Amino acid sequence: AAIWDMRAQIIHPKTRFGVLLDLLRDPVG
């Protein structure tokens, strides 16, 4: 849900791309 919600947030110019990357680093599970 957090990753999908980033689709709407990432369009806004003040959102850092690193916020999305932080959701992607941890291993699955």
PDB file of all heavy atoms in Angstrom:
ATOM      1  N   ALA A   1       0.832  -1.209   0.000  1.00  0.00           N
ATOM      2  CA  ALA A   1       0.000   0.000   0.000  1.00  0.00           C
ATOM      3  C   ALA A   1       0.861   1.253   0.000  1.00  0.00           C
ATOM      4  O   ALA A   1       0.560   2.232  -0.698  1.00  0.00           O
ATOM      5  CB  ALA A   1      -0.934  -0.017   1.209  1.00  0.00           C
ATOM      6  N   ALA A   2       1.958   1.234   0.765  1.00  0.00           N
ATOM      7  CA  ALA A   2       2.829   2.407   0.837  1.00  0.00           C
ATOM      8  C   ALA A   2       3.501   2.686  -0.497  1.00  0.00           C
ATOM      9  O   ALA A   2       3.615   3.847  -0.929  1.00  0.00           O
ATOM     10  CB  ALA A   2       3.870   2.205   1.935  1.00  0.00           C
ATOM     11  N   ILE A   3       3.963   1.633  -1.174  1.00  0.00           N
ATOM     12  CA  ILE A   3       4.610   1.816  -2.484  1.00  0.00           C
ATOM     13  C   ILE A   3       3.599   2.311  -3.499  1.00  0.00           C
ATOM     14  O   ILE A   3       3.880   3.246  -4.266  1.00  0.00           O
ATOM     15  CB  ILE A   3       5.269   0.503  -2.946  1.00  0.00           C
ATOM     16  CG1 ILE A   3       6.420   0.125  -2.007  1.00  0.00           C
ATOM     17  CG2 ILE A   3       5.780   0.636  -4.384  1.00  0.00           C
ATOM     18  CD1 ILE A   3       6.977  -1.270  -2.248  1.00  0.00           C
ATOM     19  N   TRP A   4       2.408   1.704  -3.534  1.00  0.00           N
ATOM     20  CA  TRP A   4       1.400   2.156  -4.501  1.00  0.00           C
ATOM     21  C   TRP A   4       0.995   3.599  -4.232  1.00  0.00           C
ATOM     22  O   TRP A   4       0.838   4.392  -5.168  1.00  0.00           O
ATOM     23  CB  TRP A   4       0.165   1.250  -4.486  1.00  0.00           C
ATOM     24  CG  TRP A   4      -0.883   1.775  -5.422  1.00  0.00           C
ATOM     25  CD1 TRP A   4      -1.989   2.507  -5.107  1.00  0.00           C
ATOM     26  CD2 TRP A   4      -0.870   1.671  -6.850  1.00  0.00           C
ATOM     27  NE1 TRP A   4      -2.672   2.866  -6.246  1.00  0.00           N
ATOM     28  CE2 TRP A   4      -2.014   2.359  -7.319  1.00  0.00           C
ATOM     29  CE3 TRP A   4      -0.009   1.067  -7.762  1.00  0.00           C
ATOM     30  CZ2 TRP A   4      -2.313   2.449  -8.685  1.00  0.00           C
ATOM     31  CZ3 TRP A   4      -0.308   1.161  -9.124  1.00  0.00           C
ATOM     32  CH2 TRP A   4      -1.447   1.844  -9.566  1.00  0.00           C
ATOM     33  N   ASP A   5       0.860   3.979  -2.962  1.00  0.00           N
ATOM     34  CA  ASP A   5       0.468   5.349  -2.632  1.00  0.00           C
ATOM     35  C   ASP A   5       1.499   6.364  -3.119  1.00  0.00           C
ATOM     36  O   ASP A   5       1.161   7.530  -3.370  1.00  0.00           O
ATOM     37  CB  ASP A   5       0.281   5.497  -1.120  1.00  0.00           C
ATOM     38  CG  ASP A   5      -0.990   4.829  -0.627  1.00  0.00           C
ATOM     39  OD1 ASP A   5      -1.844   4.475  -1.461  1.00  0.00           O
ATOM     40  OD2 ASP A   5      -1.116   4.651   0.609  1.00  0.00           O
ATOM     41  N   MET A   6       2.749   5.937  -3.272  1.00  0.00           N
ATOM     42  CA  MET A   6       3.780   6.840  -3.772  1.00  0.00           C
ATOM     43  C   MET A   6       3.507   7.279  -5.199  1.00  0.00           C
ATOM     44  O   MET A   6       4.002   8.320  -5.633  1.00  0.00           O
ATOM     45  CB  MET A   6       5.157   6.164  -3.696  1.00  0.00           C
ATOM     46  CG  MET A   6       5.752   6.137  -2.295  1.00  0.00           C
ATOM     47  SD  MET A   6       6.087   7.788  -1.634  1.00  0.00           S
ATOM     48  CE  MET A   6       7.304   8.394  -2.807  1.00  0.00           C
ATOM     49  N   ARG A   7       2.707   6.507  -5.952  1.00  0.00           N
ATOM     50  CA  ARG A   7       2.399   6.910  -7.318  1.00  0.00           C
ATOM     51  C   ARG A   7       1.765   8.298  -7.353  1.00  0.00           C
ATOM     52  O   ARG A   7       2.076   9.116  -8.220  1.00  0.00           O
ATOM     53  CB  ARG A   7       1.470   5.895  -7.982  1.00  0.00           C
ATOM     54  CG  ARG A   7       1.241   6.204  -9.450  1.00  0.00           C
ATOM     55  CD  ARG A   7      -0.077   5.680  -9.983  1.00  0.00           C
ATOM     56  NE  ARG A   7      -0.416   6.441 -11.176  1.00  0.00           N
ATOM     57  CZ  ARG A   7      -1.104   7.569 -11.169  1.00  0.00           C
ATOM     58  NH1 ARG A   7      -1.547   8.074 -10.034  1.00  0.00           N
ATOM     59  NH2 ARG A   7      -1.348   8.198 -12.295  1.00  0.00           N
ATOM     60  N   ALA A   8       0.878   8.559  -6.419  1.00  0.00           N
ATOM     61  CA  ALA A   8       0.240   9.871  -6.352  1.00  0.00           C
ATOM     62  C   ALA A   8       1.185  10.912  -5.761  1.00  0.00           C
ATOM     63  O   ALA A   8       1.244  12.051  -6.240  1.00  0.00           O
ATOM     64  CB  ALA A   8      -1.036   9.787  -5.522  1.00  0.00           C
ATOM     65  N   GLN A   9       1.962  10.536  -4.741  1.00  0.00           N
ATOM     66  CA  GLN A   9       2.843  11.498  -4.086  1.00  0.00           C
ATOM     67  C   GLN A   9       4.008  11.937  -4.957  1.00  0.00           C
ATOM     68  O   GLN A   9       4.432  13.092  -4.888  1.00  0.00           O
ATOM     69  CB  GLN A   9       3.400  10.900  -2.794  1.00  0.00           C
ATOM     70  CG  GLN A   9       2.365  10.610  -1.719  1.00  0.00           C
ATOM     71  CD  GLN A   9       3.014  10.063  -0.467  1.00  0.00           C
ATOM     72  OE1 GLN A   9       4.058  10.550  -0.029  1.00  0.00           O
ATOM     73  NE2 GLN A   9       2.422   9.022   0.097  1.00  0.00           N
ATOM     74  N   ILE A  10       4.499  11.015  -5.777  1.00  0.00           N
ATOM     75  CA  ILE A  10       5.734  11.321  -6.496  1.00  0.00           C
ATOM     76  C   ILE A  10       5.554  12.371  -7.575  1.00  0.00           C
ATOM     77  O   ILE A  10       6.538  12.922  -8.064  1.00  0.00           O
ATOM     78  CB  ILE A  10       6.350  10.046  -7.119  1.00  0.00           C
ATOM     79  CG1 ILE A  10       5.381   9.384  -8.076  1.00  0.00           C
ATOM     80  CG2 ILE A  10       6.791   9.082  -6.068  1.00  0.00           C
ATOM     81  CD1 ILE A  10       5.895   8.098  -8.667  1.00  0.00           C
ATOM     82  N   ILE A  11       4.322  12.659  -7.930  1.00  0.00           N
ATOM     83  CA  ILE A  11       4.100  13.694  -8.940  1.00  0.00           C
ATOM     84  C   ILE A  11       4.371  15.087  -8.365  1.00  0.00           C
ATOM     85  O   ILE A  11       4.702  16.014  -9.085  1.00  0.00           O
ATOM     86  CB  ILE A  11       2.664  13.588  -9.499  1.00  0.00           C
ATOM     87  CG1 ILE A  11       2.501  12.252 -10.225  1.00  0.00           C
ATOM     88  CG2 ILE A  11       2.332  14.727 -10.434  1.00  0.00           C
ATOM     89  CD1 ILE A  11       1.093  11.956 -10.664  1.00  0.00           C
ATOM     90  N   HIS A  12       4.287  15.229  -7.044  1.00  0.00           N
ATOM     91  CA  HIS A  12       4.472  16.535  -6.421  1.00  0.00           C
ATOM     92  C   HIS A  12       5.954  16.894  -6.357  1.00  0.00           C
ATOM     93  O   HIS A  12       6.794  16.081  -5.964  1.00  0.00           O
ATOM     94  CB  HIS A  12       3.847  16.547  -5.032  1.00  0.00           C
ATOM     95  CG  HIS A  12       2.382  16.251  -5.051  1.00  0.00           C
ATOM     96  ND1 HIS A  12       1.481  17.040  -5.719  1.00  0.00           N
ATOM     97  CD2 HIS A  12       1.658  15.242  -4.506  1.00  0.00           C
ATOM     98  CE1 HIS A  12       0.260  16.539  -5.575  1.00  0.00           C
ATOM     99  NE2 HIS A  12       0.346  15.438  -4.865  1.00  0.00           N
ATOM    100  N   PRO A  13       6.310  18.127  -6.728  1.00  0.00           N
ATOM    101  CA  PRO A  13       7.729  18.489  -6.903  1.00  0.00           C
ATOM    102  C   PRO A  13       8.557  18.458  -5.627  1.00  0.00           C
ATOM    103  O   PRO A  13       9.780  18.325  -5.701  1.00  0.00           O
ATOM    104  CB  PRO A  13       7.662  19.909  -7.480  1.00  0.00           C
ATOM    105  CG  PRO A  13       6.298  20.419  -7.141  1.00  0.00           C
ATOM    106  CD  PRO A  13       5.413  19.222  -7.115  1.00  0.00           C
ATOM    107  N   LYS A  14       7.957  18.559  -4.439  1.00  0.00           N
ATOM    108  CA  LYS A  14       8.746  18.633  -3.214  1.00  0.00           C
ATOM    109  C   LYS A  14       9.057  17.267  -2.612  1.00  0.00           C
ATOM    110  O   LYS A  14       9.839  17.166  -1.666  1.00  0.00           O
ATOM    111  CB  LYS A  14       8.023  19.501  -2.182  1.00  0.00           C
ATOM    112  CG  LYS A  14       7.949  20.974  -2.584  1.00  0.00           C
ATOM    113  CD  LYS A  14       7.335  21.821  -1.487  1.00  0.00           C
ATOM    114  CE  LYS A  14       7.312  23.292  -1.888  1.00  0.00           C
ATOM    115  NZ  LYS A  14       6.710  24.152  -0.826  1.00  0.00           N
ATOM    116  N   THR A  15       8.472  16.224  -3.150  1.00  0.00           N
ATOM    117  CA  THR A  15       8.733  14.880  -2.631  1.00  0.00           C
ATOM    118  C   THR A  15      10.100  14.392  -3.108  1.00  0.00           C
ATOM    119  O   THR A  15      10.409  14.446  -4.296  1.00  0.00           O
ATOM    120  CB  THR A  15       7.653  13.894  -3.103  1.00  0.00           C
ATOM    121  OG1 THR A  15       6.372  14.390  -2.738  1.00  0.00           O
ATOM    122  CG2 THR A  15       7.862  12.522  -2.481  1.00  0.00           C
ATOM    123  N   ARG A  16      10.935  13.912  -2.186  1.00  0.00           N
ATOM    124  CA  ARG A  16      12.240  13.377  -2.560  1.00  0.00           C
ATOM    125  C   ARG A  16      12.100  11.959  -3.092  1.00  0.00           C
ATOM    126  O   ARG A  16      11.328  11.154  -2.562  1.00  0.00           O
ATOM    127  CB  ARG A  16      13.204  13.375  -1.373  1.00  0.00           C
ATOM    128  CG  ARG A  16      13.736  14.715  -0.943  1.00  0.00           C
ATOM    129  CD  ARG A  16      14.833  14.549   0.108  1.00  0.00           C
ATOM    130  NE  ARG A  16      14.448  13.655   1.188  1.00  0.00           N
ATOM    131  CZ  ARG A  16      14.900  12.406   1.335  1.00  0.00           C
ATOM    132  NH1 ARG A  16      15.747  11.886   0.459  1.00  0.00           N
ATOM    133  NH2 ARG A  16      14.503  11.664   2.367  1.00  0.00           N
ATOM    134  N   PHE A  17      12.878  11.629  -4.112  1.00  0.00           N
ATOM    135  CA  PHE A  17      12.860  10.281  -4.660  1.00  0.00           C
ATOM    136  C   PHE A  17      13.336   9.270  -3.623  1.00  0.00           C
ATOM    137  O   PHE A  17      12.915   8.112  -3.618  1.00  0.00           O
ATOM    138  CB  PHE A  17      13.729  10.214  -5.927  1.00  0.00           C
ATOM    139  CG  PHE A  17      13.569   8.938  -6.692  1.00  0.00           C
ATOM    140  CD1 PHE A  17      12.404   8.672  -7.395  1.00  0.00           C
ATOM    141  CD2 PHE A  17      14.575   7.984  -6.717  1.00  0.00           C
ATOM    142  CE1 PHE A  17      12.242   7.490  -8.106  1.00  0.00           C
ATOM    143  CE2 PHE A  17      14.433   6.800  -7.430  1.00  0.00           C
ATOM    144  CZ  PHE A  17      13.260   6.561  -8.127  1.00  0.00           C
ATOM    145  N   GLY A  18      14.194   9.718  -2.713  1.00  0.00           N
ATOM    146  CA  GLY A  18      14.698   8.841  -1.674  1.00  0.00           C
ATOM    147  C   GLY A  18      13.612   8.265  -0.780  1.00  0.00           C
ATOM    148  O   GLY A  18      13.791   7.203  -0.180  1.00  0.00           O
ATOM    149  N   VAL A  19      12.470   8.955  -0.684  1.00  0.00           N
ATOM    150  CA  VAL A  19      11.360   8.445   0.113  1.00  0.00           C
ATOM    151  C   VAL A  19      10.857   7.127  -0.486  1.00  0.00           C
ATOM    152  O   VAL A  19      10.547   6.174   0.236  1.00  0.00           O
ATOM    153  CB  VAL A  19      10.219   9.484   0.190  1.00  0.00           C
ATOM    154  CG1 VAL A  19       9.004   8.906   0.919  1.00  0.00           C
ATOM    155  CG2 VAL A  19      10.708  10.754   0.884  1.00  0.00           C
ATOM    156  N   LEU A  20      10.771   7.082  -1.806  1.00  0.00           N
ATOM    157  CA  LEU A  20      10.384   5.841  -2.473  1.00  0.00           C
ATOM    158  C   LEU A  20      11.464   4.777  -2.316  1.00  0.00           C
ATOM    159  O   LEU A  20      11.177   3.614  -1.999  1.00  0.00           O
ATOM    160  CB  LEU A  20      10.099   6.095  -3.949  1.00  0.00           C
ATOM    161  CG  LEU A  20       9.801   4.862  -4.806  1.00  0.00           C
ATOM    162  CD1 LEU A  20       8.571   4.115  -4.279  1.00  0.00           C
ATOM    163  CD2 LEU A  20       9.603   5.242  -6.267  1.00  0.00           C
ATOM    164  N   LEU A  21      12.725   5.162  -2.506  1.00  0.00           N
ATOM    165  CA  LEU A  21      13.812   4.184  -2.387  1.00  0.00           C
ATOM    166  C   LEU A  21      13.834   3.539  -1.005  1.00  0.00           C
ATOM    167  O   LEU A  21      14.144   2.351  -0.870  1.00  0.00           O
ATOM    168  CB  LEU A  21      15.163   4.856  -2.677  1.00  0.00           C
ATOM    169  CG  LEU A  21      15.434   5.275  -4.123  1.00  0.00           C
ATOM    170  CD1 LEU A  21      16.803   5.935  -4.223  1.00  0.00           C
ATOM    171  CD2 LEU A  21      15.346   4.088  -5.066  1.00  0.00           C
ATOM    172  N   ASP A  22      13.490   4.311   0.024  1.00  0.00           N
ATOM    173  CA  ASP A  22      13.480   3.756   1.380  1.00  0.00           C
ATOM    174  C   ASP A  22      12.480   2.614   1.530  1.00  0.00           C
ATOM    175  O   ASP A  22      12.658   1.734   2.385  1.00  0.00           O
ATOM    176  CB  ASP A  22      13.139   4.857   2.391  1.00  0.00           C
ATOM    177  CG  ASP A  22      14.292   5.843   2.585  1.00  0.00           C
ATOM    178  OD1 ASP A  22      15.430   5.508   2.206  1.00  0.00           O
ATOM    179  OD2 ASP A  22      14.034   6.948   3.100  1.00  0.00           O
ATOM    180  N   LEU A  23      11.436   2.621   0.698  1.00  0.00           N
ATOM    181  CA  LEU A  23      10.428   1.564   0.752  1.00  0.00           C
ATOM    182  C   LEU A  23      10.837   0.307  -0.005  1.00  0.00           C
ATOM    183  O   LEU A  23      10.195  -0.731   0.100  1.00  0.00           O
ATOM    184  CB  LEU A  23       9.104   2.067   0.170  1.00  0.00           C
ATOM    185  CG  LEU A  23       8.397   3.176   0.938  1.00  0.00           C
ATOM    186  CD1 LEU A  23       7.236   3.725   0.095  1.00  0.00           C
ATOM    187  CD2 LEU A  23       7.887   2.663   2.273  1.00  0.00           C
ATOM    188  N   LEU A  24      11.922   0.407  -0.768  1.00  0.00           N
ATOM    189  CA  LEU A  24      12.289  -0.666  -1.689  1.00  0.00           C
ATOM    190  C   LEU A  24      13.502  -1.468  -1.249  1.00  0.00           C
ATOM    191  O   LEU A  24      13.763  -2.539  -1.800  1.00  0.00           O
ATOM    192  CB  LEU A  24      12.588  -0.072  -3.077  1.00  0.00           C
ATOM    193  CG  LEU A  24      11.500   0.817  -3.691  1.00  0.00           C
ATOM    194  CD1 LEU A  24      11.998   1.422  -5.001  1.00  0.00           C
ATOM    195  CD2 LEU A  24      10.216   0.032  -3.917  1.00  0.00           C
ATOM    196  N   ARG A  25      14.244  -0.976  -0.257  1.00  0.00           N
ATOM    197  CA  ARG A  25      15.543  -1.581   0.053  1.00  0.00           C
ATOM    198  C   ARG A  25      15.442  -2.880   0.830  1.00  0.00           C
ATOM    199  O   ARG A  25      16.209  -3.815   0.610  1.00  0.00           O
ATOM    200  CB  ARG A  25      16.415  -0.571   0.828  1.00  0.00           C
ATOM    201  CG  ARG A  25      16.841   0.628  -0.007  1.00  0.00           C
ATOM    202  CD  ARG A  25      17.914   1.437   0.746  1.00  0.00           C
ATOM    203  NE  ARG A  25      18.402   2.528  -0.069  1.00  0.00           N
ATOM    204  CZ  ARG A  25      17.989   3.783   0.029  1.00  0.00           C
ATOM    205  NH1 ARG A  25      17.052   4.094   0.919  1.00  0.00           N
ATOM    206  NH2 ARG A  25      18.474   4.732  -0.748  1.00  0.00           N
ATOM    207  N   ASP A  26      14.532  -2.964   1.781  1.00  0.00           N
ATOM    208  CA  ASP A  26      14.490  -4.123   2.660  1.00  0.00           C
ATOM    209  C   ASP A  26      14.140  -5.394   1.890  1.00  0.00           C
ATOM    210  O   ASP A  26      13.382  -5.347   0.912  1.00  0.00           O
ATOM    211  CB  ASP A  26      13.467  -3.916   3.772  1.00  0.00           C
ATOM    212  CG  ASP A  26      13.936  -2.914   4.804  1.00  0.00           C
ATOM    213  OD1 ASP A  26      15.158  -2.691   4.894  1.00  0.00           O
ATOM    214  OD2 ASP A  26      13.088  -2.351   5.514  1.00  0.00           O
ATOM    215  N   PRO A  27      14.650  -6.544   2.335  1.00  0.00           N
ATOM    216  CA  PRO A  27      14.300  -7.811   1.685  1.00  0.00           C
ATOM    217  C   PRO A  27      12.807  -8.064   1.733  1.00  0.00           C
ATOM    218  O   PRO A  27      12.101  -7.571   2.619  1.00  0.00           O
ATOM    219  CB  PRO A  27      15.064  -8.862   2.499  1.00  0.00           C
ATOM    220  CG  PRO A  27      16.166  -8.101   3.173  1.00  0.00           C
ATOM    221  CD  PRO A  27      15.624  -6.727   3.413  1.00  0.00           C
ATOM    222  N   VAL A  28      12.312  -8.825   0.799  1.00  0.00           N
ATOM    223  CA  VAL A  28      10.914  -9.233   0.784  1.00  0.00           C
ATOM    224  C   VAL A  28      10.642 -10.030   2.052  1.00  0.00           C
ATOM    225  O   VAL A  28      11.450 -10.837   2.497  1.00  0.00           O
ATOM    226  CB  VAL A  28      10.604 -10.077  -0.468  1.00  0.00           C
ATOM    227  CG1 VAL A  28       9.246 -10.741  -0.343  1.00  0.00           C
ATOM    228  CG2 VAL A  28      10.648  -9.208  -1.705  1.00  0.00           C
ATOM    229  N   GLY A  29       9.468  -9.779   2.658  1.00  0.00           N
ATOM    230  CA  GLY A  29       9.113 -10.457   3.885  1.00  0.00           C
ATOM    231  C   GLY A  29       9.248  -9.560   5.098  1.00  0.00           C
ATOM    232  O   GLY A  29       8.715  -9.856   6.164  1.00  0.00           O
TER     233      GLY A  29
END
